[in-house]
């Protein structure tokens, strides 16, 4: 189909009360070619509710999860915990829906790693499962039945380095030092996400055991040391990525490789040696990437920033929806 046909696609959102789910509802409600038919919670026992932040954008009630409620939806977005997505996605596929999953349930291709980090995920993965960034797997999206969106941290790390690893410009392992706003932890309250614990503080967590580490290694093909930090912001990620260049690689090669890789990537903005900041991308679907090269030591530092709820979640999912349905990739995201 083409933009001129203006054919609307029936869509549903599951997990619509979470941060990512609310962003999806907001985006889909004003997408010119999406017909948001239903928004559901992630439990069959959820009570109907409306969300004040969505008033006049989408005035339907968010109701309890039921696969029957999604009968009129061609595409279903899952913004739910991994265990729920692992089982519900399979059921929805069997009913003929195409599924875009924001959870981690289907991200890892290695069965042993999936068993460790996402034990509820079926093995083997359902036929037609596709994992990847829109900037990387765009040509394969139209044929997919289940699209697994990358995590927010791996999105920043992969966009930072993948063109360079593919060009053979890097060697050795990679260090990803990243800071995330508190919404990245999801809507469920805990002591770690309590205002009094976070205000005026920065804390590292998940060292040597974070589930996004194998996802980054899967994308980049290099060993990754990943240290995430929680910072007192509501949204946003800043990833500082440290790598070592292969012998003889110059700053000009890095710049030209990045420019060529992202020449057609609408939502990747390269800033060169002007390092980006979270405020430059908050509430947008852009990922801004800047870098510095020390040719004498062969060291590279890349800084990438994105909004974890948009480019790191709902916005990226909508990119996939647009590619899946043949719409302009930026439709509904500007």
C-alpha atoms as a PDB file:
ATOM      1  CA  UNK A   1       0.000   0.000   0.000  1.00  0.00           C
ATOM      2  CA  UNK A   2       1.061   3.610  -0.415  1.00  0.00           C
ATOM      3  CA  UNK A   3       0.523   6.772   1.532  1.00  0.00           C
ATOM      4  CA  UNK A   4      -1.910   7.948  -1.120  1.00  0.00           C
ATOM      5  CA  UNK A   5      -4.232   5.018  -0.455  1.00  0.00           C
ATOM      6  CA  UNK A   6      -4.627   6.082   3.188  1.00  0.00           C
ATOM      7  CA  UNK A   7      -5.689   2.604   4.220  1.00  0.00           C
ATOM      8  CA  UNK A   8      -6.043   2.454   7.983  1.00  0.00           C
ATOM      9  CA  UNK A   9      -4.705  -0.555   9.827  1.00  0.00           C
ATOM     10  CA  UNK A  10      -6.548  -1.892  12.859  1.00  0.00           C
ATOM     11  CA  UNK A  11      -4.227  -1.955  15.862  1.00  0.00           C
ATOM     12  CA  UNK A  12      -4.403  -2.837  19.532  1.00  0.00           C
ATOM     13  CA  UNK A  13      -2.104  -2.124  22.463  1.00  0.00           C
ATOM     14  CA  UNK A  14      -1.616  -4.569  25.333  1.00  0.00           C
ATOM     15  CA  UNK A  15      -0.021  -3.145  28.459  1.00  0.00           C
ATOM     16  CA  UNK A  16      -1.465   0.297  27.798  1.00  0.00           C
ATOM     17  CA  UNK A  17      -1.215   1.510  31.401  1.00  0.00           C
ATOM     18  CA  UNK A  18       2.593   1.265  31.540  1.00  0.00           C
ATOM     19  CA  UNK A  19       4.917   4.063  30.481  1.00  0.00           C
ATOM     20  CA  UNK A  20       5.725   2.539  27.113  1.00  0.00           C
ATOM     21  CA  UNK A  21       2.115   1.494  26.557  1.00  0.00           C
ATOM     22  CA  UNK A  22       0.818   4.989  27.199  1.00  0.00           C
ATOM     23  CA  UNK A  23       3.317   6.383  24.708  1.00  0.00           C
ATOM     24  CA  UNK A  24       2.091   3.857  22.148  1.00  0.00           C
ATOM     25  CA  UNK A  25      -1.534   4.866  22.673  1.00  0.00           C
ATOM     26  CA  UNK A  26      -0.606   8.530  22.335  1.00  0.00           C
ATOM     27  CA  UNK A  27       1.329   7.931  19.114  1.00  0.00           C
ATOM     28  CA  UNK A  28      -1.171   5.554  17.507  1.00  0.00           C
ATOM     29  CA  UNK A  29      -4.168   7.727  18.351  1.00  0.00           C
ATOM     30  CA  UNK A  30      -2.848  10.470  16.075  1.00  0.00           C
ATOM     31  CA  UNK A  31      -1.251   8.256  13.409  1.00  0.00           C
ATOM     32  CA  UNK A  32      -3.098   9.008  10.166  1.00  0.00           C
ATOM     33  CA  UNK A  33      -3.121   5.390   8.985  1.00  0.00           C
ATOM     34  CA  UNK A  34      -3.621   3.534  12.281  1.00  0.00           C
ATOM     35  CA  UNK A  35      -7.070   2.726  13.649  1.00  0.00           C
ATOM     36  CA  UNK A  36      -6.567   2.214  17.388  1.00  0.00           C
ATOM     37  CA  UNK A  37      -9.402  -0.180  18.140  1.00  0.00           C
ATOM     38  CA  UNK A  38      -8.571  -1.269  21.672  1.00  0.00           C
ATOM     39  CA  UNK A  39      -6.122  -0.684  24.524  1.00  0.00           C
ATOM     40  CA  UNK A  40      -5.803  -3.392  27.161  1.00  0.00           C
ATOM     41  CA  UNK A  41      -4.012  -4.021  30.419  1.00  0.00           C
ATOM     42  CA  UNK A  42      -1.693  -6.989  30.844  1.00  0.00           C
ATOM     43  CA  UNK A  43      -3.959  -8.955  33.159  1.00  0.00           C
ATOM     44  CA  UNK A  44      -7.356 -10.560  32.736  1.00  0.00           C
ATOM     45  CA  UNK A  45      -8.361  -9.138  36.126  1.00  0.00           C
ATOM     46  CA  UNK A  46      -7.618  -5.465  35.386  1.00  0.00           C
ATOM     47  CA  UNK A  47     -10.485  -3.080  36.054  1.00  0.00           C
ATOM     48  CA  UNK A  48     -11.499  -0.649  33.261  1.00  0.00           C
ATOM     49  CA  UNK A  49      -9.810   2.709  33.609  1.00  0.00           C
ATOM     50  CA  UNK A  50      -9.059   5.901  31.726  1.00  0.00           C
ATOM     51  CA  UNK A  51      -5.810   7.835  31.829  1.00  0.00           C
ATOM     52  CA  UNK A  52      -5.969  11.629  32.291  1.00  0.00           C
ATOM     53  CA  UNK A  53      -2.892  12.177  30.140  1.00  0.00           C
ATOM     54  CA  UNK A  54      -4.683  10.656  27.150  1.00  0.00           C
ATOM     55  CA  UNK A  55      -7.862  12.727  27.421  1.00  0.00           C
ATOM     56  CA  UNK A  56      -8.983  14.050  24.017  1.00  0.00           C
ATOM     57  CA  UNK A  57      -6.178  12.083  22.380  1.00  0.00           C
ATOM     58  CA  UNK A  58      -7.887   8.739  22.947  1.00  0.00           C
ATOM     59  CA  UNK A  59     -10.946   8.603  25.163  1.00  0.00           C
ATOM     60  CA  UNK A  60     -11.550   4.877  25.224  1.00  0.00           C
ATOM     61  CA  UNK A  61     -11.273   2.875  28.420  1.00  0.00           C
ATOM     62  CA  UNK A  62      -8.317   0.583  29.022  1.00  0.00           C
ATOM     63  CA  UNK A  63      -9.844  -2.782  29.852  1.00  0.00           C
ATOM     64  CA  UNK A  64      -8.691  -6.190  31.033  1.00  0.00           C
ATOM     65  CA  UNK A  65      -6.628  -8.347  28.721  1.00  0.00           C
ATOM     66  CA  UNK A  66      -8.552 -10.718  26.518  1.00  0.00           C
ATOM     67  CA  UNK A  67      -7.335 -12.062  23.174  1.00  0.00           C
ATOM     68  CA  UNK A  68     -10.934 -11.951  21.941  1.00  0.00           C
ATOM     69  CA  UNK A  69     -10.950  -8.156  22.414  1.00  0.00           C
ATOM     70  CA  UNK A  70      -8.217  -7.909  19.770  1.00  0.00           C
ATOM     71  CA  UNK A  71     -10.244  -9.668  17.076  1.00  0.00           C
ATOM     72  CA  UNK A  72     -10.450  -6.591  14.850  1.00  0.00           C
ATOM     73  CA  UNK A  73      -6.735  -5.782  15.059  1.00  0.00           C
ATOM     74  CA  UNK A  74      -4.344  -6.574  12.233  1.00  0.00           C
ATOM     75  CA  UNK A  75      -1.330  -5.601  14.362  1.00  0.00           C
ATOM     76  CA  UNK A  76      -0.988  -5.955  18.129  1.00  0.00           C
ATOM     77  CA  UNK A  77       1.643  -4.142  20.181  1.00  0.00           C
ATOM     78  CA  UNK A  78       2.802  -5.824  23.389  1.00  0.00           C
ATOM     79  CA  UNK A  79       4.207  -3.480  26.029  1.00  0.00           C
ATOM     80  CA  UNK A  80       4.121  -5.971  28.874  1.00  0.00           C
ATOM     81  CA  UNK A  81       6.419  -7.918  31.185  1.00  0.00           C
ATOM     82  CA  UNK A  82       8.506 -10.547  29.388  1.00  0.00           C
ATOM     83  CA  UNK A  83       6.759 -13.615  30.803  1.00  0.00           C
ATOM     84  CA  UNK A  84       3.361 -12.310  29.709  1.00  0.00           C
ATOM     85  CA  UNK A  85       4.621 -11.439  26.237  1.00  0.00           C
ATOM     86  CA  UNK A  86       6.265 -14.839  25.835  1.00  0.00           C
ATOM     87  CA  UNK A  87       2.945 -16.665  26.114  1.00  0.00           C
ATOM     88  CA  UNK A  88       0.487 -14.118  24.744  1.00  0.00           C
ATOM     89  CA  UNK A  89       2.527 -13.451  21.583  1.00  0.00           C
ATOM     90  CA  UNK A  90       2.346 -17.124  20.618  1.00  0.00           C
ATOM     91  CA  UNK A  91      -1.427 -17.163  21.133  1.00  0.00           C
ATOM     92  CA  UNK A  92      -1.918 -13.968  19.136  1.00  0.00           C
ATOM     93  CA  UNK A  93       0.192 -15.285  16.261  1.00  0.00           C
ATOM     94  CA  UNK A  94      -1.954 -18.409  16.172  1.00  0.00           C
ATOM     95  CA  UNK A  95      -5.007 -16.179  15.843  1.00  0.00           C
ATOM     96  CA  UNK A  96      -3.523 -14.496  12.778  1.00  0.00           C
ATOM     97  CA  UNK A  97      -2.339 -11.227  14.286  1.00  0.00           C
ATOM     98  CA  UNK A  98       1.026  -9.711  13.534  1.00  0.00           C
ATOM     99  CA  UNK A  99       2.783  -8.788  16.746  1.00  0.00           C
ATOM    100  CA  UNK A 100       5.259  -6.048  17.660  1.00  0.00           C
ATOM    101  CA  UNK A 101       6.796  -6.846  21.045  1.00  0.00           C
ATOM    102  CA  UNK A 102       8.552  -4.247  23.197  1.00  0.00           C
ATOM    103  CA  UNK A 103       9.630  -6.734  25.869  1.00  0.00           C
ATOM    104  CA  UNK A 104      12.834  -8.734  25.919  1.00  0.00           C
ATOM    105  CA  UNK A 105      11.125 -12.097  25.489  1.00  0.00           C
ATOM    106  CA  UNK A 106      12.203 -12.717  21.884  1.00  0.00           C
ATOM    107  CA  UNK A 107      15.386 -10.651  21.591  1.00  0.00           C
ATOM    108  CA  UNK A 108      18.071 -13.283  22.134  1.00  0.00           C
ATOM    109  CA  UNK A 109      18.760 -15.740  19.340  1.00  0.00           C
ATOM    110  CA  UNK A 110      20.844 -18.102  21.499  1.00  0.00           C
ATOM    111  CA  UNK A 111      18.562 -20.636  23.188  1.00  0.00           C
ATOM    112  CA  UNK A 112      20.826 -21.092  26.218  1.00  0.00           C
ATOM    113  CA  UNK A 113      20.953 -17.359  26.861  1.00  0.00           C
ATOM    114  CA  UNK A 114      17.181 -17.107  26.469  1.00  0.00           C
ATOM    115  CA  UNK A 115      16.755 -19.862  29.031  1.00  0.00           C
ATOM    116  CA  UNK A 116      18.914 -17.866  31.460  1.00  0.00           C
ATOM    117  CA  UNK A 117      17.481 -14.377  30.977  1.00  0.00           C
ATOM    118  CA  UNK A 118      13.978 -15.054  29.616  1.00  0.00           C
ATOM    119  CA  UNK A 119      13.001 -18.541  30.828  1.00  0.00           C
ATOM    120  CA  UNK A 120       9.334 -18.160  29.857  1.00  0.00           C
ATOM    121  CA  UNK A 121      10.166 -17.733  26.157  1.00  0.00           C
ATOM    122  CA  UNK A 122       9.316 -20.794  24.033  1.00  0.00           C
ATOM    123  CA  UNK A 123      12.009 -22.709  22.202  1.00  0.00           C
ATOM    124  CA  UNK A 124      12.324 -22.589  19.275  1.00  0.00           C
ATOM    125  CA  UNK A 125      11.186 -19.063  18.557  1.00  0.00           C
ATOM    126  CA  UNK A 126       7.966 -18.748  16.542  1.00  0.00           C
ATOM    127  CA  UNK A 127       8.288 -18.810  12.772  1.00  0.00           C
ATOM    128  CA  UNK A 128       8.579 -15.330  11.345  1.00  0.00           C
ATOM    129  CA  UNK A 129      10.299 -13.813  14.396  1.00  0.00           C
ATOM    130  CA  UNK A 130      12.511 -10.834  13.554  1.00  0.00           C
ATOM    131  CA  UNK A 131      14.734  -8.977  16.021  1.00  0.00           C
ATOM    132  CA  UNK A 132      16.567  -5.780  15.211  1.00  0.00           C
ATOM    133  CA  UNK A 133      16.721  -2.042  14.832  1.00  0.00           C
ATOM    134  CA  UNK A 134      14.632  -0.503  12.048  1.00  0.00           C
ATOM    135  CA  UNK A 135      17.839   1.039  10.704  1.00  0.00           C
ATOM    136  CA  UNK A 136      19.367  -2.444  10.395  1.00  0.00           C
ATOM    137  CA  UNK A 137      16.572  -4.853   9.412  1.00  0.00           C
ATOM    138  CA  UNK A 138      14.202  -2.573   7.481  1.00  0.00           C
ATOM    139  CA  UNK A 139      14.129  -4.730   4.342  1.00  0.00           C
ATOM    140  CA  UNK A 140      13.110  -7.825   6.328  1.00  0.00           C
ATOM    141  CA  UNK A 141      10.312  -6.178   8.327  1.00  0.00           C
ATOM    142  CA  UNK A 142       7.441  -6.521   5.798  1.00  0.00           C
ATOM    143  CA  UNK A 143       7.714 -10.321   5.854  1.00  0.00           C
ATOM    144  CA  UNK A 144       7.894 -10.643   9.661  1.00  0.00           C
ATOM    145  CA  UNK A 145       5.072 -11.984  11.795  1.00  0.00           C
ATOM    146  CA  UNK A 146       6.611 -11.222  15.202  1.00  0.00           C
ATOM    147  CA  UNK A 147       8.891  -8.200  15.521  1.00  0.00           C
ATOM    148  CA  UNK A 148      11.043  -8.047  18.640  1.00  0.00           C
ATOM    149  CA  UNK A 149      12.176  -4.490  19.348  1.00  0.00           C
ATOM    150  CA  UNK A 150      15.660  -3.997  20.825  1.00  0.00           C
ATOM    151  CA  UNK A 151      16.064  -2.768  24.383  1.00  0.00           C
ATOM    152  CA  UNK A 152      16.710   0.892  25.075  1.00  0.00           C
ATOM    153  CA  UNK A 153      20.324   0.462  26.181  1.00  0.00           C
ATOM    154  CA  UNK A 154      21.214  -1.887  23.276  1.00  0.00           C
ATOM    155  CA  UNK A 155      19.621   0.585  20.854  1.00  0.00           C
ATOM    156  CA  UNK A 156      22.061   3.283  21.964  1.00  0.00           C
ATOM    157  CA  UNK A 157      25.068   0.950  22.002  1.00  0.00           C
ATOM    158  CA  UNK A 158      24.292  -0.710  18.677  1.00  0.00           C
ATOM    159  CA  UNK A 159      23.650   2.522  16.801  1.00  0.00           C
ATOM    160  CA  UNK A 160      26.914   3.856  18.261  1.00  0.00           C
ATOM    161  CA  UNK A 161      29.180   1.083  17.015  1.00  0.00           C
ATOM    162  CA  UNK A 162      27.538  -1.283  14.519  1.00  0.00           C
ATOM    163  CA  UNK A 163      28.709   0.554  11.366  1.00  0.00           C
ATOM    164  CA  UNK A 164      32.268   0.507  12.704  1.00  0.00           C
ATOM    165  CA  UNK A 165      32.245  -3.174  13.670  1.00  0.00           C
ATOM    166  CA  UNK A 166      30.784  -4.142  10.289  1.00  0.00           C
ATOM    167  CA  UNK A 167      33.539  -2.170   8.554  1.00  0.00           C
ATOM    168  CA  UNK A 168      36.221  -3.910  10.627  1.00  0.00           C
ATOM    169  CA  UNK A 169      37.403  -0.676  12.222  1.00  0.00           C
ATOM    170  CA  UNK A 170      37.343  -1.906  15.836  1.00  0.00           C
ATOM    171  CA  UNK A 171      39.251  -4.518  17.807  1.00  0.00           C
ATOM    172  CA  UNK A 172      39.043  -5.974  21.294  1.00  0.00           C
ATOM    173  CA  UNK A 173      36.217  -5.519  23.725  1.00  0.00           C
ATOM    174  CA  UNK A 174      33.835  -2.628  24.267  1.00  0.00           C
ATOM    175  CA  UNK A 175      32.815  -0.723  27.404  1.00  0.00           C
ATOM    176  CA  UNK A 176      29.300   0.731  27.555  1.00  0.00           C
ATOM    177  CA  UNK A 177      28.760   3.159  30.435  1.00  0.00           C
ATOM    178  CA  UNK A 178      25.137   4.295  30.305  1.00  0.00           C
ATOM    179  CA  UNK A 179      22.773   6.438  32.343  1.00  0.00           C
ATOM    180  CA  UNK A 180      19.009   6.078  32.221  1.00  0.00           C
ATOM    181  CA  UNK A 181      16.041   7.980  33.538  1.00  0.00           C
ATOM    182  CA  UNK A 182      13.865   6.205  36.085  1.00  0.00           C
ATOM    183  CA  UNK A 183      11.039   5.431  33.645  1.00  0.00           C
ATOM    184  CA  UNK A 184      13.378   2.830  32.152  1.00  0.00           C
ATOM    185  CA  UNK A 185      12.686   0.658  35.180  1.00  0.00           C
ATOM    186  CA  UNK A 186       8.998   0.488  34.296  1.00  0.00           C
ATOM    187  CA  UNK A 187       5.949   1.632  36.175  1.00  0.00           C
ATOM    188  CA  UNK A 188       6.085  -0.906  38.989  1.00  0.00           C
ATOM    189  CA  UNK A 189       7.150   0.801  42.220  1.00  0.00           C
ATOM    190  CA  UNK A 190      10.147  -0.406  44.209  1.00  0.00           C
ATOM    191  CA  UNK A 191      12.563   0.940  46.778  1.00  0.00           C
ATOM    192  CA  UNK A 192      15.107   1.442  43.982  1.00  0.00           C
ATOM    193  CA  UNK A 193      12.735   3.716  42.029  1.00  0.00           C
ATOM    194  CA  UNK A 194      11.447   5.656  45.036  1.00  0.00           C
ATOM    195  CA  UNK A 195      11.830   9.449  44.693  1.00  0.00           C
ATOM    196  CA  UNK A 196      13.705   9.752  47.972  1.00  0.00           C
ATOM    197  CA  UNK A 197      16.216   7.120  46.874  1.00  0.00           C
ATOM    198  CA  UNK A 198      16.957   8.739  43.510  1.00  0.00           C
ATOM    199  CA  UNK A 199      16.668  12.486  43.943  1.00  0.00           C
ATOM    200  CA  UNK A 200      20.140  14.012  44.104  1.00  0.00           C
ATOM    201  CA  UNK A 201      21.848  10.665  43.514  1.00  0.00           C
ATOM    202  CA  UNK A 202      23.312   8.448  40.777  1.00  0.00           C
ATOM    203  CA  UNK A 203      23.595   4.694  41.259  1.00  0.00           C
ATOM    204  CA  UNK A 204      25.187   1.869  39.258  1.00  0.00           C
ATOM    205  CA  UNK A 205      23.380  -1.458  39.087  1.00  0.00           C
ATOM    206  CA  UNK A 206      23.321  -4.808  37.296  1.00  0.00           C
ATOM    207  CA  UNK A 207      27.090  -5.218  36.957  1.00  0.00           C
ATOM    208  CA  UNK A 208      28.153  -8.413  35.110  1.00  0.00           C
ATOM    209  CA  UNK A 209      24.600  -9.724  35.086  1.00  0.00           C
ATOM    210  CA  UNK A 210      22.401  -7.314  33.161  1.00  0.00           C
ATOM    211  CA  UNK A 211      20.231  -8.979  30.500  1.00  0.00           C
ATOM    212  CA  UNK A 212      21.088  -6.272  27.982  1.00  0.00           C
ATOM    213  CA  UNK A 213      24.745  -7.332  27.910  1.00  0.00           C
ATOM    214  CA  UNK A 214      24.193 -10.485  25.805  1.00  0.00           C
ATOM    215  CA  UNK A 215      21.854  -8.495  23.562  1.00  0.00           C
ATOM    216  CA  UNK A 216      24.599  -5.939  22.891  1.00  0.00           C
ATOM    217  CA  UNK A 217      27.132  -8.694  22.248  1.00  0.00           C
ATOM    218  CA  UNK A 218      24.692 -10.366  19.866  1.00  0.00           C
ATOM    219  CA  UNK A 219      24.310  -7.124  17.903  1.00  0.00           C
ATOM    220  CA  UNK A 220      27.945  -6.046  17.867  1.00  0.00           C
ATOM    221  CA  UNK A 221      29.786  -9.360  17.732  1.00  0.00           C
ATOM    222  CA  UNK A 222      32.275  -8.101  20.336  1.00  0.00           C
ATOM    223  CA  UNK A 223      32.676  -8.706  24.095  1.00  0.00           C
ATOM    224  CA  UNK A 224      30.872  -5.974  26.035  1.00  0.00           C
ATOM    225  CA  UNK A 225      31.341  -4.710  29.582  1.00  0.00           C
ATOM    226  CA  UNK A 226      28.115  -2.919  30.431  1.00  0.00           C
ATOM    227  CA  UNK A 227      27.525  -0.696  33.448  1.00  0.00           C
ATOM    228  CA  UNK A 228      24.083   0.930  33.652  1.00  0.00           C
ATOM    229  CA  UNK A 229      23.314   3.784  36.023  1.00  0.00           C
ATOM    230  CA  UNK A 230      20.050   5.177  37.341  1.00  0.00           C
ATOM    231  CA  UNK A 231      19.908   8.978  37.277  1.00  0.00           C
ATOM    232  CA  UNK A 232      17.203  11.294  38.662  1.00  0.00           C
ATOM    233  CA  UNK A 233      15.495  12.044  35.347  1.00  0.00           C
ATOM    234  CA  UNK A 234      12.077  10.892  34.256  1.00  0.00           C
ATOM    235  CA  UNK A 235      13.245   9.878  30.756  1.00  0.00           C
ATOM    236  CA  UNK A 236      16.328   9.718  28.579  1.00  0.00           C
ATOM    237  CA  UNK A 237      19.487   7.666  28.088  1.00  0.00           C
ATOM    238  CA  UNK A 238      23.070   8.806  27.645  1.00  0.00           C
ATOM    239  CA  UNK A 239      25.497   6.049  26.684  1.00  0.00           C
ATOM    240  CA  UNK A 240      29.242   6.648  26.669  1.00  0.00           C
ATOM    241  CA  UNK A 241      30.871   3.856  24.681  1.00  0.00           C
ATOM    242  CA  UNK A 242      34.608   3.150  24.792  1.00  0.00           C
ATOM    243  CA  UNK A 243      36.306   1.135  22.028  1.00  0.00           C
ATOM    244  CA  UNK A 244      39.728   0.591  20.505  1.00  0.00           C
ATOM    245  CA  UNK A 245      40.365   1.178  16.820  1.00  0.00           C
ATOM    246  CA  UNK A 246      42.114  -1.348  14.614  1.00  0.00           C
ATOM    247  CA  UNK A 247      45.692  -0.350  13.666  1.00  0.00           C
ATOM    248  CA  UNK A 248      45.851   2.485  11.174  1.00  0.00           C
ATOM    249  CA  UNK A 249      42.207   3.549  11.431  1.00  0.00           C
ATOM    250  CA  UNK A 250      41.851   7.322  11.288  1.00  0.00           C
ATOM    251  CA  UNK A 251      39.295   9.799  12.572  1.00  0.00           C
ATOM    252  CA  UNK A 252      38.281  10.517   8.977  1.00  0.00           C
ATOM    253  CA  UNK A 253      37.516   6.827   8.419  1.00  0.00           C
ATOM    254  CA  UNK A 254      35.307   6.752  11.488  1.00  0.00           C
ATOM    255  CA  UNK A 255      33.425   9.845  10.359  1.00  0.00           C
ATOM    256  CA  UNK A 256      32.948   8.677   6.769  1.00  0.00           C
ATOM    257  CA  UNK A 257      31.816   5.205   7.852  1.00  0.00           C
ATOM    258  CA  UNK A 258      29.211   6.613  10.214  1.00  0.00           C
ATOM    259  CA  UNK A 259      27.998   9.133   7.645  1.00  0.00           C
ATOM    260  CA  UNK A 260      27.609   6.481   4.954  1.00  0.00           C
ATOM    261  CA  UNK A 261      25.829   4.046   7.282  1.00  0.00           C
ATOM    262  CA  UNK A 262      23.240   6.569   8.416  1.00  0.00           C
ATOM    263  CA  UNK A 263      22.824   8.666   5.278  1.00  0.00           C
ATOM    264  CA  UNK A 264      19.262   7.377   4.867  1.00  0.00           C
ATOM    265  CA  UNK A 265      18.463   6.868   8.578  1.00  0.00           C
ATOM    266  CA  UNK A 266      15.923   9.573   9.334  1.00  0.00           C
ATOM    267  CA  UNK A 267      16.017   9.155  13.118  1.00  0.00           C
ATOM    268  CA  UNK A 268      19.794   8.994  13.565  1.00  0.00           C
ATOM    269  CA  UNK A 269      21.460  12.403  13.784  1.00  0.00           C
ATOM    270  CA  UNK A 270      25.251  12.474  13.712  1.00  0.00           C
ATOM    271  CA  UNK A 271      26.830  15.364  15.604  1.00  0.00           C
ATOM    272  CA  UNK A 272      30.499  14.520  15.025  1.00  0.00           C
ATOM    273  CA  UNK A 273      32.774  15.985  17.677  1.00  0.00           C
ATOM    274  CA  UNK A 274      29.927  18.070  19.149  1.00  0.00           C
ATOM    275  CA  UNK A 275      28.780  15.656  21.815  1.00  0.00           C
ATOM    276  CA  UNK A 276      24.991  15.362  22.257  1.00  0.00           C
ATOM    277  CA  UNK A 277      22.918  15.700  25.422  1.00  0.00           C
ATOM    278  CA  UNK A 278      19.709  14.083  26.619  1.00  0.00           C
ATOM    279  CA  UNK A 279      17.776  17.338  26.401  1.00  0.00           C
ATOM    280  CA  UNK A 280      18.422  17.391  22.644  1.00  0.00           C
ATOM    281  CA  UNK A 281      16.329  14.236  22.123  1.00  0.00           C
ATOM    282  CA  UNK A 282      13.833  14.141  25.004  1.00  0.00           C
ATOM    283  CA  UNK A 283      10.255  13.607  23.766  1.00  0.00           C
ATOM    284  CA  UNK A 284      11.492  12.766  20.249  1.00  0.00           C
ATOM    285  CA  UNK A 285      12.318   9.582  18.340  1.00  0.00           C
ATOM    286  CA  UNK A 286      15.826  10.718  17.443  1.00  0.00           C
ATOM    287  CA  UNK A 287      19.097   9.145  18.507  1.00  0.00           C
ATOM    288  CA  UNK A 288      21.930  11.677  18.415  1.00  0.00           C
ATOM    289  CA  UNK A 289      25.469  10.322  18.160  1.00  0.00           C
ATOM    290  CA  UNK A 290      28.770  12.140  18.576  1.00  0.00           C
ATOM    291  CA  UNK A 291      32.329  10.900  19.033  1.00  0.00           C
ATOM    292  CA  UNK A 292      35.956  11.727  19.665  1.00  0.00           C
ATOM    293  CA  UNK A 293      38.980   9.892  18.261  1.00  0.00           C
ATOM    294  CA  UNK A 294      42.500   9.867  19.704  1.00  0.00           C
ATOM    295  CA  UNK A 295      44.532   8.596  16.791  1.00  0.00           C
ATOM    296  CA  UNK A 296      47.755   8.475  18.797  1.00  0.00           C
ATOM    297  CA  UNK A 297      46.369   5.882  21.220  1.00  0.00           C
ATOM    298  CA  UNK A 298      43.830   4.322  18.869  1.00  0.00           C
ATOM    299  CA  UNK A 299      40.974   5.061  21.251  1.00  0.00           C
ATOM    300  CA  UNK A 300      37.409   5.950  20.332  1.00  0.00           C
ATOM    301  CA  UNK A 301      34.695   7.362  22.587  1.00  0.00           C
ATOM    302  CA  UNK A 302      31.135   7.546  21.264  1.00  0.00           C
ATOM    303  CA  UNK A 303      28.298   9.350  23.057  1.00  0.00           C
ATOM    304  CA  UNK A 304      24.727   8.461  22.101  1.00  0.00           C
ATOM    305  CA  UNK A 305      21.521   9.911  23.548  1.00  0.00           C
ATOM    306  CA  UNK A 306      17.894   8.932  23.087  1.00  0.00           C
ATOM    307  CA  UNK A 307      14.526   9.038  24.797  1.00  0.00           C
ATOM    308  CA  UNK A 308      14.108   5.595  26.360  1.00  0.00           C
ATOM    309  CA  UNK A 309      10.307   5.707  26.033  1.00  0.00           C
ATOM    310  CA  UNK A 310      10.344   6.711  22.354  1.00  0.00           C
ATOM    311  CA  UNK A 311      13.404   5.684  20.325  1.00  0.00           C
ATOM    312  CA  UNK A 312      14.123   3.140  23.049  1.00  0.00           C
ATOM    313  CA  UNK A 313      10.583   1.721  23.091  1.00  0.00           C
ATOM    314  CA  UNK A 314       7.285   3.038  21.680  1.00  0.00           C
ATOM    315  CA  UNK A 315       8.719   5.224  18.925  1.00  0.00           C
ATOM    316  CA  UNK A 316      10.934   2.447  17.639  1.00  0.00           C
ATOM    317  CA  UNK A 317       7.954   0.089  17.688  1.00  0.00           C
ATOM    318  CA  UNK A 318       6.032   2.584  15.569  1.00  0.00           C
ATOM    319  CA  UNK A 319       8.945   2.746  13.124  1.00  0.00           C
ATOM    320  CA  UNK A 320       8.575  -1.009  12.729  1.00  0.00           C
ATOM    321  CA  UNK A 321       4.814  -0.647  12.280  1.00  0.00           C
ATOM    322  CA  UNK A 322       5.363   1.845   9.473  1.00  0.00           C
ATOM    323  CA  UNK A 323       7.861  -0.452   7.755  1.00  0.00           C
ATOM    324  CA  UNK A 324       5.578  -3.448   8.255  1.00  0.00           C
ATOM    325  CA  UNK A 325       2.635  -1.696   6.610  1.00  0.00           C
ATOM    326  CA  UNK A 326       4.477   0.200   3.891  1.00  0.00           C
ATOM    327  CA  UNK A 327       4.086   3.699   5.358  1.00  0.00           C
ATOM    328  CA  UNK A 328       6.857   6.312   5.485  1.00  0.00           C
ATOM    329  CA  UNK A 329       9.140   5.338   8.362  1.00  0.00           C
ATOM    330  CA  UNK A 330       8.649   8.673  10.138  1.00  0.00           C
ATOM    331  CA  UNK A 331       4.837   8.665   9.861  1.00  0.00           C
ATOM    332  CA  UNK A 332       3.237   9.656  13.176  1.00  0.00           C
ATOM    333  CA  UNK A 333       6.584  10.349  14.809  1.00  0.00           C
ATOM    334  CA  UNK A 334       7.225  14.007  14.020  1.00  0.00           C
END
